[in-house]
Amino acid sequence: MKENDNYEADLAEMRAHLKILKTEKKDLIKHVADEVTYKTKLLKDIETTAGEVKALKQENAKLFAAKAGIEMAMNEKKDVLARLKEANLNLEKLASENRALQK
């Protein structure tokens, strides 16, 4: 009888342990599912951010190209202004010579 009692006690203990293991398994599966969900969301956020970074880099490249175009236009403007000043000085010189000749 004692052996049977030990067997029953061992069986009850095993069943209790099995129940605990099943609960732990469920908890672990839920934890893994939560981690997968979190990491999937994180991956989507990273992909979105990467797309935004790519778009910003493209916009930045366009802005640098526009800036270079503006700088070229400003340099051309400076050259034109310098030639206009030189032409104006030549005109003033010719006007002065013309006045001198008219006297």
C-alpha atoms as a PDB file:
ATOM      1  CA  MET A   1       0.000   0.000   0.000  1.00  0.00           C
ATOM      2  CA  LYS A   2       2.795   2.353   0.872  1.00  0.00           C
ATOM      3  CA  GLU A   3       4.306   1.854  -2.564  1.00  0.00           C
ATOM      4  CA  ASN A   4       0.950   2.705  -4.114  1.00  0.00           C
ATOM      5  CA  ASP A   5       0.723   5.855  -1.975  1.00  0.00           C
ATOM      6  CA  ASN A   6       4.189   6.881  -3.110  1.00  0.00           C
ATOM      7  CA  TYR A   7       3.197   6.201  -6.692  1.00  0.00           C
ATOM      8  CA  GLU A   8       0.040   8.312  -6.305  1.00  0.00           C
ATOM      9  CA  ALA A   9       1.994  11.094  -4.620  1.00  0.00           C
ATOM     10  CA  ASP A  10       4.645  11.011  -7.339  1.00  0.00           C
ATOM     11  CA  LEU A  11       1.934  11.020  -9.990  1.00  0.00           C
ATOM     12  CA  ALA A  12       0.188  13.977  -8.362  1.00  0.00           C
ATOM     13  CA  GLU A  13       3.495  15.820  -8.118  1.00  0.00           C
ATOM     14  CA  MET A  14       4.246  15.073 -11.771  1.00  0.00           C
ATOM     15  CA  ARG A  15       0.804  16.295 -12.810  1.00  0.00           C
ATOM     16  CA  ALA A  16       1.245  19.509 -10.824  1.00  0.00           C
ATOM     17  CA  HIS A  17       4.668  20.017 -12.390  1.00  0.00           C
ATOM     18  CA  LEU A  18       3.218  19.313 -15.852  1.00  0.00           C
ATOM     19  CA  LYS A  19       0.511  21.896 -15.241  1.00  0.00           C
ATOM     20  CA  ILE A  20       3.181  24.444 -14.257  1.00  0.00           C
ATOM     21  CA  LEU A  21       5.192  23.597 -17.372  1.00  0.00           C
ATOM     22  CA  LYS A  22       2.118  24.026 -19.585  1.00  0.00           C
ATOM     23  CA  THR A  23       1.446  27.424 -18.035  1.00  0.00           C
ATOM     24  CA  GLU A  24       5.081  28.437 -18.523  1.00  0.00           C
ATOM     25  CA  LYS A  25       4.897  27.242 -22.125  1.00  0.00           C
ATOM     26  CA  LYS A  26       1.797  29.391 -22.757  1.00  0.00           C
ATOM     27  CA  ASP A  27       3.518  32.383 -21.146  1.00  0.00           C
ATOM     28  CA  LEU A  28       6.646  31.816 -23.218  1.00  0.00           C
ATOM     29  CA  ILE A  29       4.645  31.522 -26.455  1.00  0.00           C
ATOM     30  CA  LYS A  30       2.838  34.780 -25.623  1.00  0.00           C
ATOM     31  CA  HIS A  31       6.132  36.480 -24.811  1.00  0.00           C
ATOM     32  CA  VAL A  32       7.670  35.328 -28.110  1.00  0.00           C
ATOM     33  CA  ALA A  33       4.578  36.490 -30.022  1.00  0.00           C
ATOM     34  CA  ASP A  34       4.790  39.903 -28.305  1.00  0.00           C
ATOM     35  CA  GLU A  35       8.486  40.149 -29.190  1.00  0.00           C
ATOM     36  CA  VAL A  36       7.777  39.265 -32.824  1.00  0.00           C
ATOM     37  CA  THR A  37       5.024  41.888 -32.952  1.00  0.00           C
ATOM     38  CA  TYR A  38       7.303  44.514 -31.377  1.00  0.00           C
ATOM     39  CA  LYS A  39      10.231  43.726 -33.668  1.00  0.00           C
ATOM     40  CA  THR A  40       7.981  43.703 -36.739  1.00  0.00           C
ATOM     41  CA  LYS A  41       6.700  47.163 -35.794  1.00  0.00           C
ATOM     42  CA  LEU A  42      10.245  48.312 -35.124  1.00  0.00           C
ATOM     43  CA  LEU A  43      11.358  47.011 -38.518  1.00  0.00           C
ATOM     44  CA  LYS A  44       8.498  48.872 -40.223  1.00  0.00           C
ATOM     45  CA  ASP A  45       9.488  52.053 -38.361  1.00  0.00           C
ATOM     46  CA  ILE A  46      13.101  51.593 -39.482  1.00  0.00           C
ATOM     47  CA  GLU A  47      12.010  51.076 -43.089  1.00  0.00           C
ATOM     48  CA  THR A  48       9.829  54.198 -42.911  1.00  0.00           C
ATOM     49  CA  THR A  49      12.696  56.190 -41.436  1.00  0.00           C
ATOM     50  CA  ALA A  50      15.068  54.893 -44.112  1.00  0.00           C
ATOM     51  CA  GLY A  51      12.605  56.032 -46.778  1.00  0.00           C
ATOM     52  CA  GLU A  52      12.357  59.458 -45.161  1.00  0.00           C
ATOM     53  CA  VAL A  53      16.152  59.724 -44.976  1.00  0.00           C
ATOM     54  CA  LYS A  54      16.437  58.787 -48.657  1.00  0.00           C
ATOM     55  CA  ALA A  55      13.846  61.429 -49.592  1.00  0.00           C
ATOM     56  CA  LEU A  56      15.668  64.041 -47.491  1.00  0.00           C
ATOM     57  CA  LYS A  57      18.983  63.174 -49.136  1.00  0.00           C
ATOM     58  CA  GLN A  58      17.401  63.575 -52.574  1.00  0.00           C
ATOM     59  CA  GLU A  59      15.878  66.909 -51.554  1.00  0.00           C
ATOM     60  CA  ASN A  60      19.225  67.975 -50.109  1.00  0.00           C
ATOM     61  CA  ALA A  61      20.970  67.108 -53.383  1.00  0.00           C
ATOM     62  CA  LYS A  62      18.414  69.204 -55.295  1.00  0.00           C
ATOM     63  CA  LEU A  63      18.963  72.106 -52.908  1.00  0.00           C
ATOM     64  CA  PHE A  64      22.738  71.902 -53.346  1.00  0.00           C
ATOM     65  CA  ALA A  65      22.282  71.887 -57.127  1.00  0.00           C
ATOM     66  CA  ALA A  66      19.986  74.912 -56.858  1.00  0.00           C
ATOM     67  CA  LYS A  67      22.508  76.640 -54.590  1.00  0.00           C
ATOM     68  CA  ALA A  68      25.268  75.994 -57.131  1.00  0.00           C
ATOM     69  CA  GLY A  69      23.037  77.441 -59.855  1.00  0.00           C
ATOM     70  CA  ILE A  70      22.356  80.528 -57.767  1.00  0.00           C
ATOM     71  CA  GLU A  71      26.061  80.980 -57.029  1.00  0.00           C
ATOM     72  CA  MET A  72      26.826  80.748 -60.757  1.00  0.00           C
ATOM     73  CA  ALA A  73      24.129  83.338 -61.493  1.00  0.00           C
ATOM     74  CA  MET A  74      25.519  85.627 -58.779  1.00  0.00           C
ATOM     75  CA  ASN A  75      29.028  85.331 -60.247  1.00  0.00           C
ATOM     76  CA  GLU A  76      27.663  86.130 -63.704  1.00  0.00           C
ATOM     77  CA  LYS A  77      25.827  89.107 -62.220  1.00  0.00           C
ATOM     78  CA  LYS A  78      29.072  90.339 -60.639  1.00  0.00           C
ATOM     79  CA  ASP A  79      30.842  89.995 -64.001  1.00  0.00           C
ATOM     80  CA  VAL A  80      28.074  91.915 -65.768  1.00  0.00           C
ATOM     81  CA  LEU A  81      28.163  94.642 -63.096  1.00  0.00           C
ATOM     82  CA  ALA A  82      31.933  94.926 -63.410  1.00  0.00           C
ATOM     83  CA  ARG A  83      31.626  95.289 -67.224  1.00  0.00           C
ATOM     84  CA  LEU A  84      28.842  97.846 -66.799  1.00  0.00           C
ATOM     85  CA  LYS A  85      30.998  99.873 -64.386  1.00  0.00           C
ATOM     86  CA  GLU A  86      33.873  99.734 -66.852  1.00  0.00           C
ATOM     87  CA  ALA A  87      31.555 100.803 -69.695  1.00  0.00           C
ATOM     88  CA  ASN A  88      30.180 103.612 -67.537  1.00  0.00           C
ATOM     89  CA  LEU A  89      33.728 104.834 -66.785  1.00  0.00           C
ATOM     90  CA  ASN A  90      34.504 104.753 -70.519  1.00  0.00           C
ATOM     91  CA  LEU A  91      31.341 106.728 -71.246  1.00  0.00           C
ATOM     92  CA  GLU A  92      32.213 109.292 -68.594  1.00  0.00           C
ATOM     93  CA  LYS A  93      35.712 109.563 -70.059  1.00  0.00           C
ATOM     94  CA  LEU A  94      34.288 110.021 -73.580  1.00  0.00           C
ATOM     95  CA  ALA A  95      31.784 112.588 -72.295  1.00  0.00           C
ATOM     96  CA  SER A  96      34.597 114.472 -70.576  1.00  0.00           C
ATOM     97  CA  GLU A  97      36.709 114.382 -73.761  1.00  0.00           C
ATOM     98  CA  ASN A  98      33.684 115.518 -75.778  1.00  0.00           C
ATOM     99  CA  ARG A  99      33.138 118.480 -73.431  1.00  0.00           C
ATOM    100  CA  ALA A 100      36.787 119.360 -73.683  1.00  0.00           C
ATOM    101  CA  LEU A 101      36.614 119.330 -77.491  1.00  0.00           C
ATOM    102  CA  GLN A 102      33.511 121.503 -77.506  1.00  0.00           C
ATOM    103  CA  LYS A 103      35.283 124.311 -75.621  1.00  0.00           C
END
